Amino acid sequence: MVSSPSLKTAIGAVRGCFEQAGLGPQPDALARHNEHGTHRPAPDAPLVLVACSGGRDSLALTAVAALVAGMNGLRLATIIVDHQLQPGSAAVAAQAARICESLGAERAFVRTVRVPEADIARVGTEAAARTARYTAFAAAAEETGAAAVCLAHTRDDQAETVLLGALRSPSPAAFAGMPALHCDSSGVLYLRPFLDVPRSATTAICRRLGVDWWDDPTNGDNVPEGERGSLPLRSRVRQSVMPALEAVGGLAARDHLARFAARQRQDQEYLDAVARREFRRCAVPEADPVDEGVAPSRWDAARLRSLPPAIRRRVCGLVVEAAAAADGSDHRAQLERQADQLEHLVVRARGAGDVRVSCATTVARRGHVIELCQNDRYGSI
């Protein structure tokens, strides 16, 4: 593989991310390299999956990850999801699979999914496709026993995510962007090695390697400005908002936004950890001791009120989450509003009503205690 500055940067980013995830050089990697003269991993070596769309970012990541996996004695395959939302999508997926295998993937898995019309109507095409895609990733990881799934989000994607967060939510968490490592609720470890790598570098890598990539038309690269209103929100941010910011703030705007996200995530993780501790410390002891793993259902209002606002607001969010979980519901879209209502209930006892979290559960104030209640009879849960 012919080296270049962009390739060296990308290799360093992938190596660092793999090591952080515990996927550094395997014990027998050097011996097998010396024995065979090639980077040939052991048959039982950890498998890393790269999610590939056939675009420049994910093909560049496949090429670089295959190289690093070989150095580290890891196995590497790709997972390609055909959403069936565009004409010719099956051909695009098949072509991506062929290119991935030519770049060093031991196998390219193509998964065809159906994005439910009901989900599209409820949350939009972009969000519904994302849910279907990650469901396919999780299934592939379980099927193959993969140690991690790599996603090709770049520094440009991170900057766009910060702007999207600002548009969608007032929560500080919305500005933390995407994490480099994340383990989801199903236990799948997702890695984003390219969060510090610009999109210009992935373009340069593909050109250096002679790789023909696919440009998703919904990205809007060739859509005239007057016709961008029908594009997904992320594409409109990419094509209209980001260039306007760069025109005002200079070409470093993307870099500044991505760095802001990284620092915001550090602050967010620390404050969230403090809030989780206070969530337990503010709990009113139950008459019968409960398991440490069981969420409390009553909290000391005076102690909650004494917390710094940044921590109190987060603890109120955890209380609302506990209320939603009590009846098996998920109301994350309303979490910010309900947490604000609860904080108002904590700080101002008079004139503040109970917080109805769901049809079955309410967070109420009873004197100096905040408690989860069952609606209609207000019995403590």
Protein backbone atom coordinates (compact mmCIF):
# COMPACT_ATOMS: atom_id res chain seq x y z
CA MET A 1 0.00 0.00 0.00
CA VAL A 2 1.50 3.32 -1.11
CA SER A 3 1.96 5.66 1.85
CA SER A 4 0.85 9.29 2.02
CA PRO A 5 0.35 11.89 4.79
CA SER A 6 -3.41 11.20 4.82
CA LEU A 7 -2.84 7.47 5.03
CA LYS A 8 -0.31 7.82 7.86
CA THR A 9 -2.74 9.97 9.83
CA ALA A 10 -5.56 7.48 9.30
CA ILE A 11 -3.39 4.51 10.29
CA GLY A 12 -2.39 6.25 13.50
CA ALA A 13 -6.03 7.05 14.29
CA VAL A 14 -7.17 3.45 13.75
CA ARG A 15 -4.27 1.98 15.72
CA GLY A 16 -4.97 4.30 18.64
CA CYS A 17 -8.68 3.52 18.65
CA PHE A 18 -8.08 -0.25 18.43
CA GLU A 19 -5.64 -0.12 21.34
CA GLN A 20 -8.07 1.94 23.42
CA ALA A 21 -10.69 -0.76 22.79
CA GLY A 22 -8.30 -3.53 23.85
CA LEU A 23 -7.66 -4.63 20.27
CA GLY A 24 -3.95 -3.92 20.14
CA PRO A 25 -1.34 -6.40 18.84
CA GLN A 26 -2.29 -9.96 19.68
CA PRO A 27 0.27 -12.15 21.50
CA ASP A 28 1.19 -14.26 18.47
CA ALA A 29 0.87 -11.52 15.81
CA LEU A 30 4.62 -10.90 15.41
CA ALA A 31 5.47 -14.62 15.38
CA ARG A 32 2.88 -15.37 12.70
CA HIS A 33 4.14 -12.41 10.64
CA ASN A 34 7.72 -13.70 10.81
CA GLU A 35 6.66 -17.25 10.05
CA HIS A 36 4.53 -16.58 6.98
CA GLY A 37 6.01 -13.31 5.72
CA THR A 38 2.52 -11.86 5.57
CA HIS A 39 0.07 -10.53 8.13
CA ARG A 40 -2.06 -13.62 8.61
CA PRO A 41 -4.17 -13.68 11.78
CA ALA A 42 -4.93 -16.81 13.75
CA PRO A 43 -8.26 -18.48 12.86
CA ASP A 44 -9.56 -17.72 16.35
CA ALA A 45 -8.26 -14.14 16.48
CA PRO A 46 -10.77 -11.41 17.45
CA LEU A 47 -12.95 -10.27 14.55
CA VAL A 48 -13.57 -6.60 13.81
CA LEU A 49 -16.48 -5.60 11.59
CA VAL A 50 -16.40 -2.39 9.53
CA ALA A 51 -19.77 -0.91 8.60
CA CYS A 52 -19.48 0.07 4.95
CA SER A 53 -21.90 2.01 2.75
CA GLY A 54 -19.70 2.06 -0.34
CA GLY A 55 -18.92 5.76 0.24
CA ARG A 56 -15.44 7.26 0.46
CA ASP A 57 -15.31 7.39 4.26
CA SER A 58 -16.22 3.76 4.92
CA LEU A 59 -14.10 2.40 2.05
CA ALA A 60 -11.10 4.35 3.32
CA LEU A 61 -11.75 2.99 6.81
CA THR A 62 -12.01 -0.55 5.43
CA ALA A 63 -8.63 -0.22 3.71
CA VAL A 64 -6.88 1.26 6.74
CA ALA A 65 -8.56 -1.05 9.26
CA ALA A 66 -7.58 -4.09 7.18
CA LEU A 67 -3.97 -2.94 7.28
CA VAL A 68 -3.99 -2.29 11.04
CA ALA A 69 -5.88 -5.51 11.75
CA GLY A 70 -3.19 -7.42 9.88
CA MET A 71 -0.47 -5.72 11.93
CA ASN A 72 -2.29 -6.51 15.17
CA GLY A 73 -3.16 -10.11 14.30
CA LEU A 74 -6.90 -9.40 14.09
CA ARG A 75 -9.46 -10.66 11.61
CA LEU A 76 -11.49 -8.10 9.69
CA ALA A 77 -14.78 -8.30 7.78
CA THR A 78 -17.35 -5.74 6.64
CA ILE A 79 -21.09 -5.39 7.11
CA ILE A 80 -23.01 -3.67 4.30
CA VAL A 81 -26.67 -2.78 4.80
CA ASP A 82 -29.03 -2.38 1.85
CA HIS A 83 -31.99 -0.32 3.07
CA GLN A 84 -33.87 -0.77 -0.24
CA LEU A 85 -34.78 2.93 -0.15
CA GLN A 86 -33.16 3.90 -3.46
CA PRO A 87 -33.27 2.38 -6.96
CA GLY A 88 -30.24 0.19 -7.61
CA SER A 89 -29.36 -0.16 -3.93
CA ALA A 90 -28.70 -3.91 -4.28
CA ALA A 91 -26.12 -3.26 -7.01
CA VAL A 92 -24.44 -0.60 -4.87
CA ALA A 93 -24.23 -3.03 -1.94
CA ALA A 94 -22.81 -5.81 -4.13
CA GLN A 95 -20.18 -3.49 -5.60
CA ALA A 96 -19.21 -2.29 -2.11
CA ALA A 97 -18.78 -5.91 -1.03
CA ARG A 98 -16.44 -6.64 -3.94
CA ILE A 99 -14.32 -3.57 -3.22
CA CYS A 100 -14.13 -4.38 0.51
CA GLU A 101 -12.82 -7.86 -0.20
CA SER A 102 -10.26 -6.43 -2.62
CA LEU A 103 -9.10 -4.07 0.15
CA GLY A 104 -8.35 -6.92 2.52
CA ALA A 105 -11.62 -7.83 4.26
CA GLU A 106 -11.80 -11.59 4.73
CA ARG A 107 -15.52 -11.42 4.00
CA ALA A 108 -18.17 -8.82 3.21
CA PHE A 109 -21.59 -9.49 4.69
CA VAL A 110 -24.50 -7.87 2.85
CA ARG A 111 -27.70 -7.53 4.83
CA THR A 112 -30.92 -6.45 3.12
CA VAL A 113 -33.38 -4.76 5.48
CA ARG A 114 -36.86 -3.34 5.21
CA VAL A 115 -37.42 0.05 6.80
CA PRO A 116 -41.03 -0.05 8.11
CA GLU A 117 -43.35 2.54 6.60
CA ALA A 118 -44.84 3.12 10.04
CA ASP A 119 -41.42 4.08 11.40
CA ILE A 120 -40.80 6.42 8.47
CA ALA A 121 -44.13 8.14 9.09
CA ARG A 122 -43.42 8.43 12.82
CA VAL A 123 -39.79 9.60 12.93
CA GLY A 124 -38.80 10.26 9.31
CA THR A 125 -36.80 8.30 6.76
CA GLU A 126 -33.37 9.23 8.13
CA ALA A 127 -34.07 8.11 11.71
CA ALA A 128 -36.01 5.01 10.66
CA ALA A 129 -33.19 3.89 8.35
CA ARG A 130 -30.66 4.47 11.11
CA THR A 131 -32.62 2.22 13.50
CA ALA A 132 -32.87 -0.53 10.88
CA ARG A 133 -29.17 -0.19 10.10
CA TYR A 134 -28.02 -0.49 13.71
CA THR A 135 -30.33 -3.44 14.26
CA ALA A 136 -28.56 -5.15 11.35
CA PHE A 137 -25.15 -4.23 12.80
CA ALA A 138 -26.05 -5.74 16.17
CA ALA A 139 -27.37 -8.92 14.55
CA ALA A 140 -24.21 -9.30 12.45
CA ALA A 141 -21.99 -8.72 15.49
CA GLU A 142 -23.88 -11.40 17.44
CA GLU A 143 -23.83 -13.81 14.49
CA THR A 144 -20.10 -13.47 13.88
CA GLY A 145 -18.99 -12.97 17.48
CA ALA A 146 -17.32 -9.71 16.46
CA ALA A 147 -15.33 -7.88 19.13
CA ALA A 148 -16.35 -4.48 17.73
CA VAL A 149 -18.12 -2.70 14.88
CA CYS A 150 -16.24 0.22 13.29
CA LEU A 151 -18.15 3.23 11.99
CA ALA A 152 -16.60 5.68 9.52
CA HIS A 153 -17.78 8.99 10.98
CA THR A 154 -15.17 11.69 10.32
CA ARG A 155 -14.27 15.00 11.92
CA ASP A 156 -16.67 16.65 9.45
CA ASP A 157 -19.48 14.36 10.59
CA GLN A 158 -18.71 15.25 14.20
CA ALA A 159 -18.95 18.98 13.46
CA GLU A 160 -22.27 18.45 11.71
CA THR A 161 -23.53 16.39 14.65
CA VAL A 162 -22.85 19.29 17.03
CA LEU A 163 -24.90 21.62 14.84
CA LEU A 164 -27.70 19.04 14.58
CA GLY A 165 -27.66 18.72 18.34
CA ALA A 166 -28.08 22.48 18.68
CA LEU A 167 -31.09 22.36 16.37
CA ARG A 168 -32.76 19.37 18.00
CA SER A 169 -32.27 19.76 21.73
CA PRO A 170 -31.45 22.32 24.44
CA SER A 171 -29.62 19.67 26.46
CA PRO A 172 -25.83 20.04 26.96
CA ALA A 173 -25.57 16.37 25.99
CA ALA A 174 -26.63 17.32 22.46
CA PHE A 175 -23.36 19.20 22.02
CA ALA A 176 -21.15 16.28 23.06
CA GLY A 177 -21.24 14.78 19.57
CA MET A 178 -20.46 11.13 18.95
CA PRO A 179 -18.17 9.08 21.21
CA ALA A 180 -15.09 7.36 19.83
CA LEU A 181 -16.04 4.22 21.77
CA HIS A 182 -19.56 3.28 22.76
CA CYS A 183 -21.14 0.07 24.03
CA ASP A 184 -24.87 0.00 23.35
CA SER A 185 -27.62 -1.66 25.37
CA SER A 186 -27.25 -4.91 23.41
CA GLY A 187 -23.57 -5.14 24.33
CA VAL A 188 -22.14 -4.24 20.91
CA LEU A 189 -18.98 -2.14 21.06
CA TYR A 190 -18.93 0.60 18.40
CA LEU A 191 -15.68 2.31 17.42
CA ARG A 192 -15.27 5.57 15.50
CA PRO A 193 -11.55 5.72 14.65
CA PHE A 194 -11.90 8.62 12.17
CA LEU A 195 -13.44 11.25 14.46
CA ASP A 196 -10.19 13.26 14.22
CA VAL A 197 -9.73 12.54 10.50
CA PRO A 198 -11.19 15.06 8.00
CA ARG A 199 -13.30 13.99 5.06
CA SER A 200 -10.63 15.40 2.74
CA ALA A 201 -8.28 12.70 4.05
CA THR A 202 -10.66 9.84 3.26
CA THR A 203 -11.08 11.27 -0.23
CA ALA A 204 -7.30 11.42 -0.64
CA ILE A 205 -6.89 7.82 0.59
CA CYS A 206 -9.44 6.46 -1.88
CA ARG A 207 -7.82 8.36 -4.73
CA ARG A 208 -4.36 7.15 -3.70
CA LEU A 209 -5.61 3.55 -3.68
CA GLY A 210 -7.57 3.92 -6.92
CA VAL A 211 -10.87 3.10 -5.18
CA ASP A 212 -14.10 4.20 -6.85
CA TRP A 213 -16.60 5.18 -4.20
CA TRP A 214 -20.36 5.70 -4.34
CA ASP A 215 -21.83 9.11 -3.57
CA ASP A 216 -25.20 8.84 -1.84
CA PRO A 217 -27.52 11.24 -3.70
CA THR A 218 -29.24 12.15 -0.42
CA ASN A 219 -25.97 13.79 0.68
CA GLY A 220 -26.88 16.54 -1.78
CA ASP A 221 -23.39 17.09 -3.20
CA ASN A 222 -24.75 18.00 -6.61
CA VAL A 223 -28.10 19.48 -5.58
CA PRO A 224 -28.57 23.21 -6.43
CA GLU A 225 -29.06 25.47 -3.43
CA GLY A 226 -32.68 26.21 -4.26
CA GLU A 227 -33.58 22.50 -4.26
CA ARG A 228 -32.01 21.43 -0.95
CA GLY A 229 -35.19 21.76 1.09
CA SER A 230 -36.13 18.13 0.43
CA LEU A 231 -32.77 16.76 1.62
CA PRO A 232 -32.39 15.09 5.04
CA LEU A 233 -31.59 17.56 7.83
CA ARG A 234 -27.98 16.41 8.13
CA SER A 235 -27.44 16.97 4.41
CA ARG A 236 -28.95 20.46 4.62
CA VAL A 237 -26.58 21.26 7.49
CA ARG A 238 -23.67 19.91 5.44
CA GLN A 239 -24.52 21.72 2.23
CA SER A 240 -25.91 25.01 3.54
CA VAL A 241 -25.14 25.69 7.20
CA MET A 242 -21.52 24.54 7.34
CA PRO A 243 -20.37 26.53 4.28
CA ALA A 244 -22.08 29.62 5.74
CA LEU A 245 -20.22 29.14 9.04
CA GLU A 246 -16.92 28.74 7.22
CA ALA A 247 -17.62 31.88 5.22
CA VAL A 248 -18.01 33.79 8.49
CA GLY A 249 -15.59 31.99 10.82
CA GLY A 250 -13.00 30.58 8.44
CA LEU A 251 -12.05 27.08 7.38
CA ALA A 252 -11.22 26.09 10.97
CA ALA A 253 -14.93 26.10 11.91
CA ARG A 254 -15.30 22.33 11.45
CA ASP A 255 -12.21 21.61 13.49
CA HIS A 256 -13.35 23.92 16.30
CA LEU A 257 -16.78 22.28 16.45
CA ALA A 258 -15.28 18.78 16.54
CA ARG A 259 -12.84 19.75 19.30
CA PHE A 260 -15.65 21.42 21.21
CA ALA A 261 -17.61 18.16 21.06
CA ALA A 262 -14.67 16.17 22.44
CA ARG A 263 -14.22 18.52 25.40
CA GLN A 264 -17.94 18.78 25.99
CA ARG A 265 -18.12 14.98 26.13
CA GLN A 266 -15.40 14.90 28.81
CA ASP A 267 -17.33 17.43 30.90
CA GLN A 268 -20.58 15.60 30.24
CA GLU A 269 -19.21 12.24 31.35
CA TYR A 270 -17.83 13.72 34.57
CA LEU A 271 -21.04 15.60 35.46
CA ASP A 272 -23.14 12.54 34.62
CA ALA A 273 -21.00 10.39 36.94
CA VAL A 274 -21.47 12.92 39.77
CA ALA A 275 -25.22 13.01 39.08
CA ARG A 276 -25.48 9.23 39.27
CA ARG A 277 -23.82 9.29 42.70
CA GLU A 278 -26.16 12.05 43.93
CA PHE A 279 -29.15 10.15 42.53
CA ARG A 280 -28.33 7.43 45.08
CA ARG A 281 -27.26 9.76 47.89
CA CYS A 282 -30.48 11.77 47.69
CA ALA A 283 -32.59 8.62 47.93
CA VAL A 284 -34.77 8.24 51.02
CA PRO A 285 -34.02 4.85 52.65
CA GLU A 286 -36.80 2.31 52.20
CA ALA A 287 -38.31 0.47 55.15
CA ASP A 288 -37.11 -2.77 53.60
CA PRO A 289 -33.57 -2.69 52.15
CA VAL A 290 -33.46 -3.05 48.35
CA ASP A 291 -30.82 -4.38 46.01
CA GLU A 292 -28.07 -1.97 44.94
CA GLY A 293 -29.09 -2.60 41.34
CA VAL A 294 -32.69 -1.53 41.95
CA ALA A 295 -33.41 2.16 41.34
CA PRO A 296 -34.78 4.09 44.34
CA SER A 297 -38.32 5.44 44.25
CA ARG A 298 -38.15 8.27 46.84
CA TRP A 299 -35.73 11.20 47.14
CA ASP A 300 -35.05 13.94 49.68
CA ALA A 301 -36.37 17.18 48.14
CA ALA A 302 -34.23 19.41 50.39
CA ARG A 303 -31.04 17.63 49.41
CA LEU A 304 -32.00 17.76 45.75
CA ARG A 305 -32.65 21.50 46.07
CA SER A 306 -29.20 22.05 47.63
CA LEU A 307 -27.34 20.52 44.68
CA PRO A 308 -25.57 22.77 42.14
CA PRO A 309 -27.98 23.44 39.23
CA ALA A 310 -25.89 21.48 36.70
CA ILE A 311 -26.03 18.39 38.92
CA ARG A 312 -29.62 18.90 40.13
CA ARG A 313 -30.89 19.09 36.56
CA ARG A 314 -29.17 15.82 35.69
CA VAL A 315 -30.45 14.06 38.81
CA CYS A 316 -33.98 15.20 37.92
CA GLY A 317 -33.44 13.63 34.50
CA LEU A 318 -32.44 10.34 36.17
CA VAL A 319 -35.56 10.47 38.35
CA VAL A 320 -37.75 10.91 35.26
CA GLU A 321 -35.92 8.02 33.56
CA ALA A 322 -36.59 5.87 36.64
CA ALA A 323 -40.27 6.81 36.47
CA ALA A 324 -40.46 5.88 32.79
CA ALA A 325 -38.70 2.56 33.46
CA ALA A 326 -41.08 1.73 36.32
CA ASP A 327 -43.86 0.92 33.88
CA GLY A 328 -41.66 -0.27 31.03
CA SER A 329 -42.22 2.81 28.89
CA ASP A 330 -39.69 4.96 27.06
CA HIS A 331 -40.35 8.68 26.84
CA ARG A 332 -36.92 10.03 25.99
CA ALA A 333 -38.32 12.57 23.54
CA GLN A 334 -40.04 14.26 26.49
CA LEU A 335 -37.22 13.80 29.00
CA GLU A 336 -35.89 17.36 28.91
CA ARG A 337 -39.29 18.95 29.40
CA GLN A 338 -40.23 16.57 32.21
CA ALA A 339 -36.86 17.02 33.95
CA ASP A 340 -37.37 20.80 33.84
CA GLN A 341 -40.83 20.37 35.36
CA LEU A 342 -39.43 18.17 38.11
CA GLU A 343 -36.66 20.66 38.91
CA HIS A 344 -39.32 23.35 39.22
CA LEU A 345 -41.21 21.06 41.60
CA VAL A 346 -38.04 20.55 43.67
CA VAL A 347 -37.05 24.22 43.86
CA ARG A 348 -40.53 25.75 44.18
CA ALA A 349 -42.86 23.49 46.13
CA ARG A 350 -45.76 25.93 45.86
CA GLY A 351 -47.42 26.45 42.52
CA ALA A 352 -45.64 23.51 40.93
CA GLY A 353 -47.72 20.55 39.85
CA ASP A 354 -46.82 16.88 39.79
CA VAL A 355 -44.95 15.61 36.74
CA ARG A 356 -46.97 13.08 34.73
CA VAL A 357 -44.34 10.93 33.06
CA SER A 358 -46.67 8.41 31.42
CA CYS A 359 -50.22 7.15 31.58
CA ALA A 360 -49.22 4.94 34.50
CA THR A 361 -46.58 6.91 36.40
CA THR A 362 -46.26 10.35 38.01
CA VAL A 363 -43.44 11.98 39.95
CA ALA A 364 -45.05 13.76 42.91
CA ARG A 365 -43.95 15.78 45.91
CA ARG A 366 -45.20 14.64 49.31
CA GLY A 367 -43.89 17.12 51.89
CA HIS A 368 -40.11 16.87 51.81
CA VAL A 369 -40.06 13.75 49.64
CA ILE A 370 -40.10 13.33 45.85
CA GLU A 371 -41.58 9.95 44.96
CA LEU A 372 -42.68 7.82 42.06
CA CYS A 373 -46.42 7.21 42.15
CA GLN A 374 -48.92 5.12 40.29
CA ASN A 375 -51.50 7.32 38.64
CA ASP A 376 -55.08 7.39 39.93
CA ARG A 377 -54.29 6.09 43.41
CA TYR A 378 -50.86 7.70 44.02
CA GLY A 379 -49.54 4.65 45.73
CA SER A 380 -45.77 4.67 46.02
CA ILE A 381 -44.25 2.32 43.46
